[in-house]
Amino acid sequence: MGQFAVQTQDAQQQTPRTLHLVRGGRSNAPQCAVAARLPTDIIALGFILAVLQILDGVLTGIGMAQYGTSMEGNILLRSLMTIIGYVPALLVVKSASIALIVVLCHQTTKIAWLKPALYGVMALYVIGAVVPWTYILVTDLLA
């Protein structure tokens, strides 16, 4: 028959939420669904974190091909690499990391300290993973 939309406000985070009520007819959507909208800065943060994961995976893969798994600083990842190989290990770990990023970005609307923590993770990844691998690979290339 008709479609109704109601805007509500989350009291704690002041995040707008939309409640869609669909009456009658045949719809693929559930009869009552709540859709949370992520702020654009959180979407951008998640995108940057995902790109950093991919960049770290590519740089680590290049490093593993040139120097072997002994160059990997993360002992858990190094152990997984020796068991299943460095490419499958990187695919598994980076895919899981990106999935976790998606979940954490959605949780930022509920957990206030999570957004600054994700910014910290982003900084740590740049300083602790991307810059060192870039330095090692470029230095080797120029030598």
C-alpha atoms as a PDB file:
ATOM      1  CA  MET A   1       0.000   0.000   0.000  1.00  0.00           C
ATOM      2  CA  GLY A   2       2.477   2.626   1.107  1.00  0.00           C
ATOM      3  CA  GLN A   3       5.944   3.165   2.470  1.00  0.00           C
ATOM      4  CA  PHE A   4       6.736   5.163   5.585  1.00  0.00           C
ATOM      5  CA  ALA A   5      10.055   6.474   6.880  1.00  0.00           C
ATOM      6  CA  VAL A   6      10.686   7.736  10.399  1.00  0.00           C
ATOM      7  CA  GLN A   7      13.861   9.576  11.445  1.00  0.00           C
ATOM      8  CA  THR A   8      15.111   8.883  14.956  1.00  0.00           C
ATOM      9  CA  GLN A   9      18.133  10.090  16.874  1.00  0.00           C
ATOM     10  CA  ASP A  10      20.477   7.833  18.879  1.00  0.00           C
ATOM     11  CA  ALA A  11      20.531   9.433  22.334  1.00  0.00           C
ATOM     12  CA  GLN A  12      24.134   8.557  23.200  1.00  0.00           C
ATOM     13  CA  GLN A  13      25.968   9.178  19.922  1.00  0.00           C
ATOM     14  CA  GLN A  14      23.437  11.462  18.255  1.00  0.00           C
ATOM     15  CA  THR A  15      23.654   9.326  15.139  1.00  0.00           C
ATOM     16  CA  PRO A  16      20.652   9.626  12.820  1.00  0.00           C
ATOM     17  CA  ARG A  17      18.890   6.346  12.168  1.00  0.00           C
ATOM     18  CA  THR A  18      16.144   5.645   9.676  1.00  0.00           C
ATOM     19  CA  LEU A  19      13.289   3.251  10.375  1.00  0.00           C
ATOM     20  CA  HIS A  20      11.532   2.048   7.223  1.00  0.00           C
ATOM     21  CA  LEU A  21       8.101   0.487   7.574  1.00  0.00           C
ATOM     22  CA  VAL A  22       6.693  -1.239   4.508  1.00  0.00           C
ATOM     23  CA  ARG A  23       3.013  -2.169   4.453  1.00  0.00           C
ATOM     24  CA  GLY A  24       1.464  -4.675   2.099  1.00  0.00           C
ATOM     25  CA  GLY A  25       2.728  -5.521  -1.375  1.00  0.00           C
ATOM     26  CA  ARG A  26       5.612  -7.813  -2.169  1.00  0.00           C
ATOM     27  CA  SER A  27       8.930  -6.477  -1.037  1.00  0.00           C
ATOM     28  CA  ASN A  28      12.340  -8.121  -0.820  1.00  0.00           C
ATOM     29  CA  ALA A  29      13.048  -6.010   2.259  1.00  0.00           C
ATOM     30  CA  PRO A  30      12.024  -7.208   5.705  1.00  0.00           C
ATOM     31  CA  GLN A  31       8.739  -5.851   7.053  1.00  0.00           C
ATOM     32  CA  CYS A  32      10.596  -3.620   9.492  1.00  0.00           C
ATOM     33  CA  ALA A  33      14.247  -2.734   9.065  1.00  0.00           C
ATOM     34  CA  VAL A  34      16.552  -0.272  10.792  1.00  0.00           C
ATOM     35  CA  ALA A  35      19.439   1.104   8.712  1.00  0.00           C
ATOM     36  CA  ALA A  36      22.312   2.928  10.412  1.00  0.00           C
ATOM     37  CA  ARG A  37      24.166   5.524   8.374  1.00  0.00           C
ATOM     38  CA  LEU A  38      27.890   5.754   8.942  1.00  0.00           C
ATOM     39  CA  PRO A  39      29.417   9.223   8.941  1.00  0.00           C
ATOM     40  CA  THR A  40      31.587   9.930   5.904  1.00  0.00           C
ATOM     41  CA  ASP A  41      34.714  10.352   8.036  1.00  0.00           C
ATOM     42  CA  ILE A  42      34.271   6.801   9.359  1.00  0.00           C
ATOM     43  CA  ILE A  43      33.773   5.484   5.825  1.00  0.00           C
ATOM     44  CA  ALA A  44      36.942   7.295   4.728  1.00  0.00           C
ATOM     45  CA  LEU A  45      38.831   5.966   7.762  1.00  0.00           C
ATOM     46  CA  GLY A  46      37.741   2.408   6.982  1.00  0.00           C
ATOM     47  CA  PHE A  47      38.715   2.819   3.345  1.00  0.00           C
ATOM     48  CA  ILE A  48      42.170   4.152   4.261  1.00  0.00           C
ATOM     49  CA  LEU A  49      42.710   1.323   6.749  1.00  0.00           C
ATOM     50  CA  ALA A  50      41.699  -1.242   4.109  1.00  0.00           C
ATOM     51  CA  VAL A  51      44.063   0.322   1.557  1.00  0.00           C
ATOM     52  CA  LEU A  52      46.865   0.241   4.144  1.00  0.00           C
ATOM     53  CA  GLN A  53      46.167  -3.456   4.735  1.00  0.00           C
ATOM     54  CA  ILE A  54      46.378  -4.164   1.015  1.00  0.00           C
ATOM     55  CA  LEU A  55      49.541  -2.060   0.647  1.00  0.00           C
ATOM     56  CA  ASP A  56      51.129  -3.822   3.609  1.00  0.00           C
ATOM     57  CA  GLY A  57      50.183  -7.192   2.126  1.00  0.00           C
ATOM     58  CA  VAL A  58      51.722  -6.340  -1.248  1.00  0.00           C
ATOM     59  CA  LEU A  59      54.904  -4.925   0.290  1.00  0.00           C
ATOM     60  CA  THR A  60      55.195  -7.894   2.658  1.00  0.00           C
ATOM     61  CA  GLY A  61      54.683 -10.300  -0.237  1.00  0.00           C
ATOM     62  CA  ILE A  62      57.452  -8.618  -2.227  1.00  0.00           C
ATOM     63  CA  GLY A  63      59.696  -8.716   0.830  1.00  0.00           C
ATOM     64  CA  MET A  64      58.967 -12.405   1.431  1.00  0.00           C
ATOM     65  CA  ALA A  65      59.754 -13.219  -2.201  1.00  0.00           C
ATOM     66  CA  GLN A  66      63.105 -11.410  -1.982  1.00  0.00           C
ATOM     67  CA  TYR A  67      64.270 -12.174   1.557  1.00  0.00           C
ATOM     68  CA  GLY A  68      62.234 -15.138   2.796  1.00  0.00           C
ATOM     69  CA  THR A  69      59.835 -15.448   5.708  1.00  0.00           C
ATOM     70  CA  SER A  70      62.575 -14.794   8.275  1.00  0.00           C
ATOM     71  CA  MET A  71      62.161 -11.058   7.517  1.00  0.00           C
ATOM     72  CA  GLU A  72      58.583 -11.032   8.836  1.00  0.00           C
ATOM     73  CA  GLY A  73      58.493  -9.325  12.224  1.00  0.00           C
ATOM     74  CA  ASN A  74      55.162 -10.769  13.376  1.00  0.00           C
ATOM     75  CA  ILE A  75      55.957 -14.211  14.771  1.00  0.00           C
ATOM     76  CA  LEU A  76      52.363 -15.455  14.423  1.00  0.00           C
ATOM     77  CA  LEU A  77      52.213 -14.421  10.783  1.00  0.00           C
ATOM     78  CA  ARG A  78      55.684 -15.856  10.181  1.00  0.00           C
ATOM     79  CA  SER A  79      54.570 -19.179  11.677  1.00  0.00           C
ATOM     80  CA  LEU A  80      51.469 -19.234   9.486  1.00  0.00           C
ATOM     81  CA  MET A  81      53.654 -18.446   6.465  1.00  0.00           C
ATOM     82  CA  THR A  82      55.877 -21.438   7.157  1.00  0.00           C
ATOM     83  CA  ILE A  83      52.837 -23.697   7.477  1.00  0.00           C
ATOM     84  CA  ILE A  84      50.730 -22.627   4.464  1.00  0.00           C
ATOM     85  CA  GLY A  85      53.068 -20.380   2.454  1.00  0.00           C
ATOM     86  CA  TYR A  86      53.451 -16.632   2.476  1.00  0.00           C
ATOM     87  CA  VAL A  87      50.879 -15.805  -0.229  1.00  0.00           C
ATOM     88  CA  PRO A  88      47.993 -17.818   1.306  1.00  0.00           C
ATOM     89  CA  ALA A  89      48.945 -16.563   4.785  1.00  0.00           C
ATOM     90  CA  LEU A  90      48.875 -12.943   3.639  1.00  0.00           C
ATOM     91  CA  LEU A  91      45.553 -13.449   1.846  1.00  0.00           C
ATOM     92  CA  VAL A  92      43.957 -15.009   4.929  1.00  0.00           C
ATOM     93  CA  VAL A  93      45.323 -12.477   7.411  1.00  0.00           C
ATOM     94  CA  LYS A  94      44.672  -9.381   5.288  1.00  0.00           C
ATOM     95  CA  SER A  95      41.148 -10.538   4.373  1.00  0.00           C
ATOM     96  CA  ALA A  96      40.367 -11.123   8.050  1.00  0.00           C
ATOM     97  CA  SER A  97      41.852  -7.722   8.893  1.00  0.00           C
ATOM     98  CA  ILE A  98      39.678  -5.945   6.329  1.00  0.00           C
ATOM     99  CA  ALA A  99      36.591  -7.779   7.609  1.00  0.00           C
ATOM    100  CA  LEU A 100      37.494  -6.680  11.137  1.00  0.00           C
ATOM    101  CA  ILE A 101      37.909  -3.082   9.930  1.00  0.00           C
ATOM    102  CA  VAL A 102      34.367  -3.153   8.513  1.00  0.00           C
ATOM    103  CA  VAL A 103      32.967  -4.461  11.812  1.00  0.00           C
ATOM    104  CA  LEU A 104      34.921  -1.923  13.880  1.00  0.00           C
ATOM    105  CA  CYS A 105      33.856   0.977  11.674  1.00  0.00           C
ATOM    106  CA  HIS A 106      30.222   0.011  12.221  1.00  0.00           C
ATOM    107  CA  GLN A 107      30.852  -0.137  15.976  1.00  0.00           C
ATOM    108  CA  THR A 108      32.179   3.445  16.084  1.00  0.00           C
ATOM    109  CA  THR A 109      28.583   4.652  16.258  1.00  0.00           C
ATOM    110  CA  LYS A 110      28.191   2.764  19.559  1.00  0.00           C
ATOM    111  CA  ILE A 111      31.662   2.927  21.160  1.00  0.00           C
ATOM    112  CA  ALA A 112      33.021   6.433  21.605  1.00  0.00           C
ATOM    113  CA  TRP A 113      36.712   5.547  22.048  1.00  0.00           C
ATOM    114  CA  LEU A 114      36.842   3.357  18.944  1.00  0.00           C
ATOM    115  CA  LYS A 115      37.198   6.155  16.381  1.00  0.00           C
ATOM    116  CA  PRO A 116      40.371   7.629  17.959  1.00  0.00           C
ATOM    117  CA  ALA A 117      41.710   4.097  18.410  1.00  0.00           C
ATOM    118  CA  LEU A 118      41.254   3.403  14.689  1.00  0.00           C
ATOM    119  CA  TYR A 119      43.141   6.603  13.875  1.00  0.00           C
ATOM    120  CA  GLY A 120      45.918   5.309  16.127  1.00  0.00           C
ATOM    121  CA  VAL A 121      45.912   1.959  14.331  1.00  0.00           C
ATOM    122  CA  MET A 122      46.196   3.820  11.033  1.00  0.00           C
ATOM    123  CA  ALA A 123      49.232   5.752  12.284  1.00  0.00           C
ATOM    124  CA  LEU A 124      50.834   2.572  13.643  1.00  0.00           C
ATOM    125  CA  TYR A 125      50.368   0.797  10.326  1.00  0.00           C
ATOM    126  CA  VAL A 126      52.005   3.611   8.412  1.00  0.00           C
ATOM    127  CA  ILE A 127      54.910   3.896  10.867  1.00  0.00           C
ATOM    128  CA  GLY A 128      55.333   0.222  11.740  1.00  0.00           C
ATOM    129  CA  ALA A 129      54.564  -1.572   8.477  1.00  0.00           C
ATOM    130  CA  VAL A 130      54.350   0.520   5.323  1.00  0.00           C
ATOM    131  CA  VAL A 131      57.316   2.851   5.920  1.00  0.00           C
ATOM    132  CA  PRO A 132      59.752   0.101   7.021  1.00  0.00           C
ATOM    133  CA  TRP A 133      58.926  -2.201   4.100  1.00  0.00           C
ATOM    134  CA  THR A 134      59.080   0.700   1.655  1.00  0.00           C
ATOM    135  CA  TYR A 135      62.479   1.725   3.053  1.00  0.00           C
ATOM    136  CA  ILE A 136      63.867  -1.824   2.888  1.00  0.00           C
ATOM    137  CA  LEU A 137      62.638  -2.461  -0.644  1.00  0.00           C
ATOM    138  CA  VAL A 138      63.677   0.933  -2.059  1.00  0.00           C
ATOM    139  CA  THR A 139      67.092   0.771  -0.395  1.00  0.00           C
ATOM    140  CA  ASP A 140      67.650  -2.690  -1.900  1.00  0.00           C
ATOM    141  CA  LEU A 141      66.453  -1.501  -5.302  1.00  0.00           C
ATOM    142  CA  LEU A 142      68.844   1.480  -5.320  1.00  0.00           C
ATOM    143  CA  ALA A 143      71.849  -0.541  -4.108  1.00  0.00           C
END
